[in-house]
Amino acid sequence: MNEASRAQGWAICGGAGLGAFMFVVGIMNGSYWALAIPVAIVTLFALGLIAWVGYTIATIQVETDVAPEILSTDRTPSAPDPDPAPLTSSDTATSSEDAA
């Protein structure tokens, strides 16, 4: 991390601390604006996010697949199993008893 990023981080922390101090002082003085401004900022931010999501959904370009994926549940019973299960020790014992 370089020094410029560190300085920006400390500036953001200092700005947040100053904003918190101003908010507390405004509340202590009984100022209506101490509550109205932060509530307005949060409300407008939330509405902006909602508008952005709506715009993204409305304008997204989705291309359909030319050949859809075939799932293992879509196979017909007559089709061979592309990945047969390996034989277990009980399978080999049964097949050797059948041969005898």
PDB file of N, CA and C in Angstrom:
ATOM      1  N   MET A   1       0.854  -1.163   0.000  1.00  0.00           N
ATOM      2  CA  MET A   1       0.000   0.000   0.000  1.00  0.00           C
ATOM      3  C   MET A   1       0.902   1.229   0.000  1.00  0.00           C
ATOM      4  N   ASN A   2       0.596   2.173  -0.882  1.00  0.00           N
ATOM      5  CA  ASN A   2       1.451   3.346  -0.953  1.00  0.00           C
ATOM      6  C   ASN A   2       0.971   4.443  -0.003  1.00  0.00           C
ATOM      7  N   GLU A   3       1.782   5.457   0.131  1.00  0.00           N
ATOM      8  CA  GLU A   3       1.496   6.536   1.092  1.00  0.00           C
ATOM      9  C   GLU A   3       0.285   7.364   0.693  1.00  0.00           C
ATOM     10  N   ALA A   4       0.028   7.500  -0.598  1.00  0.00           N
ATOM     11  CA  ALA A   4      -1.132   8.280  -1.044  1.00  0.00           C
ATOM     12  C   ALA A   4      -2.432   7.604  -0.596  1.00  0.00           C
ATOM     13  N   SER A   5      -2.491   6.280  -0.702  1.00  0.00           N
ATOM     14  CA  SER A   5      -3.683   5.549  -0.267  1.00  0.00           C
ATOM     15  C   SER A   5      -3.871   5.677   1.239  1.00  0.00           C
ATOM     16  N   ARG A   6      -2.754   5.607   1.959  1.00  0.00           N
ATOM     17  CA  ARG A   6      -2.817   5.759   3.411  1.00  0.00           C
ATOM     18  C   ARG A   6      -3.330   7.147   3.799  1.00  0.00           C
ATOM     19  N   ALA A   7      -2.846   8.161   3.108  1.00  0.00           N
ATOM     20  CA  ALA A   7      -3.279   9.541   3.383  1.00  0.00           C
ATOM     21  C   ALA A   7      -4.761   9.715   3.066  1.00  0.00           C
ATOM     22  N   GLN A   8      -5.208   9.109   1.982  1.00  0.00           N
ATOM     23  CA  GLN A   8      -6.632   9.190   1.631  1.00  0.00           C
ATOM     24  C   GLN A   8      -7.480   8.480   2.682  1.00  0.00           C
ATOM     25  N   GLY A   9      -7.015   7.356   3.166  1.00  0.00           N
ATOM     26  CA  GLY A   9      -7.737   6.636   4.214  1.00  0.00           C
ATOM     27  C   GLY A   9      -7.875   7.457   5.479  1.00  0.00           C
ATOM     28  N   TRP A  10      -6.760   8.114   5.885  1.00  0.00           N
ATOM     29  CA  TRP A  10      -6.823   8.963   7.079  1.00  0.00           C
ATOM     30  C   TRP A  10      -7.728  10.172   6.852  1.00  0.00           C
ATOM     31  N   ALA A  11      -7.736  10.719   5.641  1.00  0.00           N
ATOM     32  CA  ALA A  11      -8.614  11.854   5.329  1.00  0.00           C
ATOM     33  C   ALA A  11     -10.079  11.437   5.412  1.00  0.00           C
ATOM     34  N   ILE A  12     -10.401  10.240   4.928  1.00  0.00           N
ATOM     35  CA  ILE A  12     -11.778   9.737   5.019  1.00  0.00           C
ATOM     36  C   ILE A  12     -12.161   9.540   6.477  1.00  0.00           C
ATOM     37  N   CYS A  13     -11.256   8.957   7.277  1.00  0.00           N
ATOM     38  CA  CYS A  13     -11.537   8.771   8.711  1.00  0.00           C
ATOM     39  C   CYS A  13     -11.741  10.113   9.406  1.00  0.00           C
ATOM     40  N   GLY A  14     -10.903  11.089   9.096  1.00  0.00           N
ATOM     41  CA  GLY A  14     -11.041  12.411   9.691  1.00  0.00           C
ATOM     42  C   GLY A  14     -12.348  13.080   9.293  1.00  0.00           C
ATOM     43  N   GLY A  15     -12.729  12.946   8.026  1.00  0.00           N
ATOM     44  CA  GLY A  15     -14.002  13.506   7.556  1.00  0.00           C
ATOM     45  C   GLY A  15     -15.195  12.853   8.238  1.00  0.00           C
ATOM     46  N   ALA A  16     -15.129  11.535   8.424  1.00  0.00           N
ATOM     47  CA  ALA A  16     -16.212  10.838   9.119  1.00  0.00           C
ATOM     48  C   ALA A  16     -16.290  11.276  10.573  1.00  0.00           C
ATOM     49  N   GLY A  17     -15.133  11.444  11.206  1.00  0.00           N
ATOM     50  CA  GLY A  17     -15.121  11.920  12.594  1.00  0.00           C
ATOM     51  C   GLY A  17     -15.672  13.326  12.714  1.00  0.00           C
ATOM     52  N   LEU A  18     -15.311  14.207  11.791  1.00  0.00           N
ATOM     53  CA  LEU A  18     -15.825  15.578  11.794  1.00  0.00           C
ATOM     54  C   LEU A  18     -17.336  15.587  11.567  1.00  0.00           C
ATOM     55  N   GLY A  19     -17.800  14.750  10.637  1.00  0.00           N
ATOM     56  CA  GLY A  19     -19.246  14.644  10.395  1.00  0.00           C
ATOM     57  C   GLY A  19     -19.985  14.135  11.620  1.00  0.00           C
ATOM     58  N   ALA A  20     -19.411  13.159  12.304  1.00  0.00           N
ATOM     59  CA  ALA A  20     -20.036  12.638  13.526  1.00  0.00           C
ATOM     60  C   ALA A  20     -20.081  13.704  14.613  1.00  0.00           C
ATOM     61  N   PHE A  21     -18.993  14.462  14.741  1.00  0.00           N
ATOM     62  CA  PHE A  21     -18.954  15.540  15.734  1.00  0.00           C
ATOM     63  C   PHE A  21     -20.011  16.600  15.427  1.00  0.00           C
ATOM     64  N   MET A  22     -20.116  16.996  14.160  1.00  0.00           N
ATOM     65  CA  MET A  22     -21.114  17.987  13.780  1.00  0.00           C
ATOM     66  C   MET A  22     -22.529  17.473  14.017  1.00  0.00           C
ATOM     67  N   PHE A  23     -22.759  16.190  13.754  1.00  0.00           N
ATOM     68  CA  PHE A  23     -24.070  15.595  13.981  1.00  0.00           C
ATOM     69  C   PHE A  23     -24.429  15.637  15.462  1.00  0.00           C
ATOM     70  N   VAL A  24     -23.491  15.262  16.329  1.00  0.00           N
ATOM     71  CA  VAL A  24     -23.752  15.262  17.776  1.00  0.00           C
ATOM     72  C   VAL A  24     -23.998  16.684  18.276  1.00  0.00           C
ATOM     73  N   VAL A  25     -23.206  17.636  17.816  1.00  0.00           N
ATOM     74  CA  VAL A  25     -23.405  19.031  18.222  1.00  0.00           C
ATOM     75  C   VAL A  25     -24.773  19.525  17.753  1.00  0.00           C
ATOM     76  N   GLY A  26     -25.161  19.182  16.540  1.00  0.00           N
ATOM     77  CA  GLY A  26     -26.473  19.590  16.031  1.00  0.00           C
ATOM     78  C   GLY A  26     -27.607  18.984  16.823  1.00  0.00           C
ATOM     79  N   ILE A  27     -27.475  17.724  17.214  1.00  0.00           N
ATOM     80  CA  ILE A  27     -28.501  17.070  18.026  1.00  0.00           C
ATOM     81  C   ILE A  27     -28.582  17.736  19.398  1.00  0.00           C
ATOM     82  N   MET A  28     -27.434  18.030  19.988  1.00  0.00           N
ATOM     83  CA  MET A  28     -27.421  18.666  21.312  1.00  0.00           C
ATOM     84  C   MET A  28     -28.069  20.059  21.272  1.00  0.00           C
ATOM     85  N   ASN A  29     -27.926  20.761  20.152  1.00  0.00           N
ATOM     86  CA  ASN A  29     -28.529  22.091  20.025  1.00  0.00           C
ATOM     87  C   ASN A  29     -29.999  22.021  19.622  1.00  0.00           C
ATOM     88  N   GLY A  30     -30.505  20.820  19.352  1.00  0.00           N
ATOM     89  CA  GLY A  30     -31.911  20.666  18.968  1.00  0.00           C
ATOM     90  C   GLY A  30     -32.184  21.094  17.541  1.00  0.00           C
ATOM     91  N   SER A  31     -31.208  21.015  16.686  1.00  0.00           N
ATOM     92  CA  SER A  31     -31.369  21.445  15.304  1.00  0.00           C
ATOM     93  C   SER A  31     -32.099  20.384  14.487  1.00  0.00           C
ATOM     94  N   TYR A  32     -33.130  20.823  13.772  1.00  0.00           N
ATOM     95  CA  TYR A  32     -33.878  19.948  12.880  1.00  0.00           C
ATOM     96  C   TYR A  32     -32.981  19.459  11.741  1.00  0.00           C
ATOM     97  N   TRP A  33     -32.095  20.320  11.254  1.00  0.00           N
ATOM     98  CA  TRP A  33     -31.242  19.982  10.120  1.00  0.00           C
ATOM     99  C   TRP A  33     -30.238  18.878  10.456  1.00  0.00           C
ATOM    100  N   ALA A  34     -29.894  18.714  11.712  1.00  0.00           N
ATOM    101  CA  ALA A  34     -28.950  17.665  12.102  1.00  0.00           C
ATOM    102  C   ALA A  34     -29.514  16.279  11.794  1.00  0.00           C
ATOM    103  N   LEU A  35     -30.821  16.141  11.825  1.00  0.00           N
ATOM    104  CA  LEU A  35     -31.447  14.865  11.457  1.00  0.00           C
ATOM    105  C   LEU A  35     -31.902  14.856  10.005  1.00  0.00           C
ATOM    106  N   ALA A  36     -32.398  15.991   9.526  1.00  0.00           N
ATOM    107  CA  ALA A  36     -32.969  16.034   8.185  1.00  0.00           C
ATOM    108  C   ALA A  36     -31.927  15.783   7.097  1.00  0.00           C
ATOM    109  N   ILE A  37     -30.752  16.349   7.231  1.00  0.00           N
ATOM    110  CA  ILE A  37     -29.728  16.201   6.182  1.00  0.00           C
ATOM    111  C   ILE A  37     -29.230  14.752   6.072  1.00  0.00           C
ATOM    112  N   PRO A  38     -28.830  14.090   7.189  1.00  0.00           N
ATOM    113  CA  PRO A  38     -28.403  12.690   7.037  1.00  0.00           C
ATOM    114  C   PRO A  38     -29.516  11.766   6.553  1.00  0.00           C
ATOM    115  N   VAL A  39     -30.739  11.984   7.017  1.00  0.00           N
ATOM    116  CA  VAL A  39     -31.858  11.151   6.559  1.00  0.00           C
ATOM    117  C   VAL A  39     -32.090  11.365   5.068  1.00  0.00           C
ATOM    118  N   ALA A  40     -32.007  12.592   4.606  1.00  0.00           N
ATOM    119  CA  ALA A  40     -32.180  12.873   3.183  1.00  0.00           C
ATOM    120  C   ALA A  40     -31.077  12.212   2.363  1.00  0.00           C
ATOM    121  N   ILE A  41     -29.843  12.276   2.838  1.00  0.00           N
ATOM    122  CA  ILE A  41     -28.725  11.673   2.114  1.00  0.00           C
ATOM    123  C   ILE A  41     -28.908  10.155   2.004  1.00  0.00           C
ATOM    124  N   VAL A  42     -29.251   9.511   3.109  1.00  0.00           N
ATOM    125  CA  VAL A  42     -29.432   8.051   3.106  1.00  0.00           C
ATOM    126  C   VAL A  42     -30.612   7.665   2.219  1.00  0.00           C
ATOM    127  N   THR A  43     -31.705   8.411   2.305  1.00  0.00           N
ATOM    128  CA  THR A  43     -32.888   8.117   1.495  1.00  0.00           C
ATOM    129  C   THR A  43     -32.579   8.262   0.010  1.00  0.00           C
ATOM    130  N   LEU A  44     -31.927   9.352  -0.368  1.00  0.00           N
ATOM    131  CA  LEU A  44     -31.589   9.550  -1.773  1.00  0.00           C
ATOM    132  C   LEU A  44     -30.594   8.509  -2.265  1.00  0.00           C
ATOM    133  N   PHE A  45     -29.662   8.100  -1.415  1.00  0.00           N
ATOM    134  CA  PHE A  45     -28.708   7.051  -1.782  1.00  0.00           C
ATOM    135  C   PHE A  45     -29.442   5.733  -2.037  1.00  0.00           C
ATOM    136  N   ALA A  46     -30.358   5.366  -1.143  1.00  0.00           N
ATOM    137  CA  ALA A  46     -31.119   4.119  -1.304  1.00  0.00           C
ATOM    138  C   ALA A  46     -31.977   4.170  -2.562  1.00  0.00           C
ATOM    139  N   LEU A  47     -32.631   5.289  -2.822  1.00  0.00           N
ATOM    140  CA  LEU A  47     -33.445   5.412  -4.032  1.00  0.00           C
ATOM    141  C   LEU A  47     -32.573   5.367  -5.281  1.00  0.00           C
ATOM    142  N   GLY A  48     -31.374   5.917  -5.208  1.00  0.00           N
ATOM    143  CA  GLY A  48     -30.442   5.825  -6.334  1.00  0.00           C
ATOM    144  C   GLY A  48     -30.035   4.392  -6.614  1.00  0.00           C
ATOM    145  N   LEU A  49     -29.777   3.626  -5.557  1.00  0.00           N
ATOM    146  CA  LEU A  49     -29.451   2.200  -5.747  1.00  0.00           C
ATOM    147  C   LEU A  49     -30.610   1.444  -6.380  1.00  0.00           C
ATOM    148  N   ILE A  50     -31.818   1.719  -5.918  1.00  0.00           N
ATOM    149  CA  ILE A  50     -32.995   1.043  -6.472  1.00  0.00           C
ATOM    150  C   ILE A  50     -33.165   1.405  -7.945  1.00  0.00           C
ATOM    151  N   ALA A  51     -32.987   2.675  -8.280  1.00  0.00           N
ATOM    152  CA  ALA A  51     -33.088   3.101  -9.680  1.00  0.00           C
ATOM    153  C   ALA A  51     -32.007   2.446 -10.534  1.00  0.00           C
ATOM    154  N   TRP A  52     -30.796   2.319  -9.994  1.00  0.00           N
ATOM    155  CA  TRP A  52     -29.702   1.683 -10.730  1.00  0.00           C
ATOM    156  C   TRP A  52     -30.002   0.212 -11.006  1.00  0.00           C
ATOM    157  N   VAL A  53     -30.537  -0.486 -10.015  1.00  0.00           N
ATOM    158  CA  VAL A  53     -30.897  -1.895 -10.208  1.00  0.00           C
ATOM    159  C   VAL A  53     -31.991  -2.011 -11.266  1.00  0.00           C
ATOM    160  N   GLY A  54     -33.004  -1.161 -11.182  1.00  0.00           N
ATOM    161  CA  GLY A  54     -34.079  -1.191 -12.179  1.00  0.00           C
ATOM    162  C   GLY A  54     -33.562  -0.903 -13.578  1.00  0.00           C
ATOM    163  N   TYR A  55     -32.694   0.082 -13.714  1.00  0.00           N
ATOM    164  CA  TYR A  55     -32.116   0.416 -15.014  1.00  0.00           C
ATOM    165  C   TYR A  55     -31.287  -0.748 -15.551  1.00  0.00           C
ATOM    166  N   THR A  56     -30.513  -1.385 -14.678  1.00  0.00           N
ATOM    167  CA  THR A  56     -29.691  -2.522 -15.101  1.00  0.00           C
ATOM    168  C   THR A  56     -30.563  -3.675 -15.589  1.00  0.00           C
ATOM    169  N   ILE A  57     -31.631  -3.964 -14.862  1.00  0.00           N
ATOM    170  CA  ILE A  57     -32.535  -5.047 -15.270  1.00  0.00           C
ATOM    171  C   ILE A  57     -33.218  -4.703 -16.591  1.00  0.00           C
ATOM    172  N   ALA A  58     -33.604  -3.444 -16.763  1.00  0.00           N
ATOM    173  CA  ALA A  58     -34.331  -3.040 -17.963  1.00  0.00           C
ATOM    174  C   ALA A  58     -33.449  -3.020 -19.204  1.00  0.00           C
ATOM    175  N   THR A  59     -32.169  -2.763 -19.060  1.00  0.00           N
ATOM    176  CA  THR A  59     -31.315  -2.580 -20.237  1.00  0.00           C
ATOM    177  C   THR A  59     -30.313  -3.696 -20.476  1.00  0.00           C
ATOM    178  N   ILE A  60     -30.367  -4.771 -19.711  1.00  0.00           N
ATOM    179  CA  ILE A  60     -29.393  -5.846 -19.880  1.00  0.00           C
ATOM    180  C   ILE A  60     -29.634  -6.580 -21.199  1.00  0.00           C
ATOM    181  N   GLN A  61     -28.563  -6.943 -21.862  1.00  0.00           N
ATOM    182  CA  GLN A  61     -28.625  -7.685 -23.116  1.00  0.00           C
ATOM    183  C   GLN A  61     -28.221  -9.129 -22.840  1.00  0.00           C
ATOM    184  N   VAL A  62     -29.164 -10.043 -22.986  1.00  0.00           N
ATOM    185  CA  VAL A  62     -28.897 -11.461 -22.738  1.00  0.00           C
ATOM    186  C   VAL A  62     -29.029 -12.205 -24.058  1.00  0.00           C
ATOM    187  N   GLU A  63     -27.975 -12.914 -24.428  1.00  0.00           N
ATOM    188  CA  GLU A  63     -28.012 -13.708 -25.646  1.00  0.00           C
ATOM    189  C   GLU A  63     -28.338 -15.152 -25.287  1.00  0.00           C
ATOM    190  N   THR A  64     -29.240 -15.754 -26.045  1.00  0.00           N
ATOM    191  CA  THR A  64     -29.617 -17.135 -25.779  1.00  0.00           C
ATOM    192  C   THR A  64     -28.554 -18.072 -26.336  1.00  0.00           C
ATOM    193  N   ASP A  65     -28.431 -19.249 -25.733  1.00  0.00           N
ATOM    194  CA  ASP A  65     -27.490 -20.255 -26.194  1.00  0.00           C
ATOM    195  C   ASP A  65     -28.020 -20.900 -27.465  1.00  0.00           C
ATOM    196  N   VAL A  66     -27.111 -21.140 -28.419  1.00  0.00           N
ATOM    197  CA  VAL A  66     -27.495 -21.807 -29.647  1.00  0.00           C
ATOM    198  C   VAL A  66     -27.820 -23.270 -29.350  1.00  0.00           C
ATOM    199  N   ALA A  67     -26.968 -23.931 -28.579  1.00  0.00           N
ATOM    200  CA  ALA A  67     -27.182 -25.322 -28.202  1.00  0.00           C
ATOM    201  C   ALA A  67     -27.340 -25.383 -26.686  1.00  0.00           C
ATOM    202  N   PRO A  68     -28.543 -25.636 -26.197  1.00  0.00           N
ATOM    203  CA  PRO A  68     -28.718 -25.670 -24.742  1.00  0.00           C
ATOM    204  C   PRO A  68     -27.976 -26.834 -24.106  1.00  0.00           C
ATOM    205  N   GLU A  69     -27.634 -26.666 -22.861  1.00  0.00           N
ATOM    206  CA  GLU A  69     -26.926 -27.711 -22.133  1.00  0.00           C
ATOM    207  C   GLU A  69     -27.863 -28.884 -21.878  1.00  0.00           C
ATOM    208  N   ILE A  70     -27.364 -30.089 -22.074  1.00  0.00           N
ATOM    209  CA  ILE A  70     -28.156 -31.291 -21.829  1.00  0.00           C
ATOM    210  C   ILE A  70     -27.784 -31.820 -20.456  1.00  0.00           C
ATOM    211  N   LEU A  71     -28.763 -31.897 -19.591  1.00  0.00           N
ATOM    212  CA  LEU A  71     -28.531 -32.371 -18.233  1.00  0.00           C
ATOM    213  C   LEU A  71     -28.616 -33.883 -18.183  1.00  0.00           C
ATOM    214  N   SER A  72     -28.055 -34.475 -17.152  1.00  0.00           N
ATOM    215  CA  SER A  72     -28.091 -35.934 -17.028  1.00  0.00           C
ATOM    216  C   SER A  72     -29.518 -36.432 -16.837  1.00  0.00           C
ATOM    217  N   THR A  73     -30.400 -35.586 -16.335  1.00  0.00           N
ATOM    218  CA  THR A  73     -31.802 -36.009 -16.158  1.00  0.00           C
ATOM    219  C   THR A  73     -32.570 -35.945 -17.463  1.00  0.00           C
ATOM    220  N   ASP A  74     -31.988 -35.300 -18.489  1.00  0.00           N
ATOM    221  CA  ASP A  74     -32.666 -35.177 -19.775  1.00  0.00           C
ATOM    222  C   ASP A  74     -32.396 -36.354 -20.705  1.00  0.00           C
ATOM    223  N   ARG A  75     -31.486 -37.264 -20.340  1.00  0.00           N
ATOM    224  CA  ARG A  75     -31.143 -38.383 -21.215  1.00  0.00           C
ATOM    225  C   ARG A  75     -32.299 -39.366 -21.321  1.00  0.00           C
ATOM    226  N   THR A  76     -32.364 -40.022 -22.442  1.00  0.00           N
ATOM    227  CA  THR A  76     -33.364 -41.070 -22.613  1.00  0.00           C
ATOM    228  C   THR A  76     -32.835 -42.353 -21.987  1.00  0.00           C
ATOM    229  N   PRO A  77     -33.720 -43.262 -21.569  1.00  0.00           N
ATOM    230  CA  PRO A  77     -33.246 -44.507 -20.931  1.00  0.00           C
ATOM    231  C   PRO A  77     -32.395 -45.368 -21.866  1.00  0.00           C
ATOM    232  N   SER A  78     -32.575 -45.263 -23.186  1.00  0.00           N
ATOM    233  CA  SER A  78     -31.805 -46.103 -24.097  1.00  0.00           C
ATOM    234  C   SER A  78     -30.391 -45.575 -24.321  1.00  0.00           C
ATOM    235  N   ALA A  79     -30.125 -44.345 -23.923  1.00  0.00           N
ATOM    236  CA  ALA A  79     -28.788 -43.776 -24.126  1.00  0.00           C
ATOM    237  C   ALA A  79     -27.810 -44.403 -23.146  1.00  0.00           C
ATOM    238  N   PRO A  80     -26.588 -44.711 -23.595  1.00  0.00           N
ATOM    239  CA  PRO A  80     -25.598 -45.302 -22.675  1.00  0.00           C
ATOM    240  C   PRO A  80     -25.141 -44.271 -21.640  1.00  0.00           C
ATOM    241  N   ASP A  81     -24.773 -44.781 -20.498  1.00  0.00           N
ATOM    242  CA  ASP A  81     -24.304 -43.911 -19.413  1.00  0.00           C
ATOM    243  C   ASP A  81     -22.874 -43.489 -19.733  1.00  0.00           C
ATOM    244  N   PRO A  82     -22.620 -42.170 -19.889  1.00  0.00           N
ATOM    245  CA  PRO A  82     -21.260 -41.741 -20.255  1.00  0.00           C
ATOM    246  C   PRO A  82     -20.252 -41.913 -19.127  1.00  0.00           C
ATOM    247  N   ASP A  83     -20.706 -42.008 -17.900  1.00  0.00           N
ATOM    248  CA  ASP A  83     -19.797 -42.140 -16.762  1.00  0.00           C
ATOM    249  C   ASP A  83     -20.315 -43.255 -15.854  1.00  0.00           C
ATOM    250  N   PRO A  84     -20.052 -44.519 -16.215  1.00  0.00           N
ATOM    251  CA  PRO A  84     -20.575 -45.608 -15.381  1.00  0.00           C
ATOM    252  C   PRO A  84     -19.899 -45.634 -14.017  1.00  0.00           C
ATOM    253  N   ALA A  85     -20.636 -46.104 -13.037  1.00  0.00           N
ATOM    254  CA  ALA A  85     -20.098 -46.177 -11.679  1.00  0.00           C
ATOM    255  C   ALA A  85     -19.035 -47.270 -11.617  1.00  0.00           C
ATOM    256  N   PRO A  86     -17.946 -47.030 -10.904  1.00  0.00           N
ATOM    257  CA  PRO A  86     -16.901 -48.062 -10.797  1.00  0.00           C
ATOM    258  C   PRO A  86     -17.403 -49.258  -9.980  1.00  0.00           C
ATOM    259  N   LEU A  87     -16.840 -50.413 -10.268  1.00  0.00           N
ATOM    260  CA  LEU A  87     -17.225 -51.622  -9.541  1.00  0.00           C
ATOM    261  C   LEU A  87     -16.673 -51.585  -8.128  1.00  0.00           C
ATOM    262  N   THR A  88     -17.472 -52.044  -7.196  1.00  0.00           N
ATOM    263  CA  THR A  88     -17.024 -52.136  -5.809  1.00  0.00           C
ATOM    264  C   THR A  88     -16.645 -53.577  -5.513  1.00  0.00           C
ATOM    265  N   SER A  89     -16.094 -53.828  -4.338  1.00  0.00           N
ATOM    266  CA  SER A  89     -15.677 -55.184  -3.993  1.00  0.00           C
ATOM    267  C   SER A  89     -16.867 -56.125  -3.907  1.00  0.00           C
ATOM    268  N   SER A  90     -18.026 -55.610  -3.512  1.00  0.00           N
ATOM    269  CA  SER A  90     -19.199 -56.489  -3.439  1.00  0.00           C
ATOM    270  C   SER A  90     -19.684 -56.864  -4.837  1.00  0.00           C
ATOM    271  N   ASP A  91     -19.504 -55.976  -5.828  1.00  0.00           N
ATOM    272  CA  ASP A  91     -19.890 -56.277  -7.214  1.00  0.00           C
ATOM    273  C   ASP A  91     -19.001 -57.353  -7.778  1.00  0.00           C
ATOM    274  N   THR A  92     -17.717 -57.311  -7.509  1.00  0.00           N
ATOM    275  CA  THR A  92     -16.802 -58.313  -8.057  1.00  0.00           C
ATOM    276  C   THR A  92     -17.016 -59.665  -7.396  1.00  0.00           C
ATOM    277  N   ALA A  93     -17.363 -59.679  -6.107  1.00  0.00           N
ATOM    278  CA  ALA A  93     -17.605 -60.951  -5.418  1.00  0.00           C
ATOM    279  C   ALA A  93     -18.857 -61.622  -5.974  1.00  0.00           C
ATOM    280  N   THR A  94     -19.885 -60.846  -6.273  1.00  0.00           N
ATOM    281  CA  THR A  94     -21.124 -61.398  -6.806  1.00  0.00           C
ATOM    282  C   THR A  94     -20.901 -61.942  -8.198  1.00  0.00           C
ATOM    283  N   SER A  95     -20.149 -61.217  -9.016  1.00  0.00           N
ATOM    284  CA  SER A  95     -19.931 -61.681 -10.378  1.00  0.00           C
ATOM    285  C   SER A  95     -19.062 -62.943 -10.402  1.00  0.00           C
ATOM    286  N   SER A  96     -18.131 -63.111  -9.464  1.00  0.00           N
ATOM    287  CA  SER A  96     -17.297 -64.338  -9.447  1.00  0.00           C
ATOM    288  C   SER A  96     -18.110 -65.512  -8.946  1.00  0.00           C
ATOM    289  N   GLU A  97     -19.080 -65.281  -8.071  1.00  0.00           N
ATOM    290  CA  GLU A  97     -19.931 -66.384  -7.610  1.00  0.00           C
ATOM    291  C   GLU A  97     -20.855 -66.823  -8.719  1.00  0.00           C
ATOM    292  N   ASP A  98     -21.320 -65.874  -9.551  1.00  0.00           N
ATOM    293  CA  ASP A  98     -22.202 -66.222 -10.660  1.00  0.00           C
ATOM    294  C   ASP A  98     -21.454 -67.059 -11.699  1.00  0.00           C
ATOM    295  N   ALA A  99     -20.166 -66.802 -11.858  1.00  0.00           N
ATOM    296  CA  ALA A  99     -19.388 -67.513 -12.863  1.00  0.00           C
ATOM    297  C   ALA A  99     -19.132 -68.952 -12.428  1.00  0.00           C
ATOM    298  N   ALA A 100     -19.108 -69.245 -11.147  1.00  0.00           N
ATOM    299  CA  ALA A 100     -18.783 -70.584 -10.665  1.00  0.00           C
ATOM    300  C   ALA A 100     -19.919 -71.561 -10.713  1.00  0.00           C
TER     301      ALA A 100
END
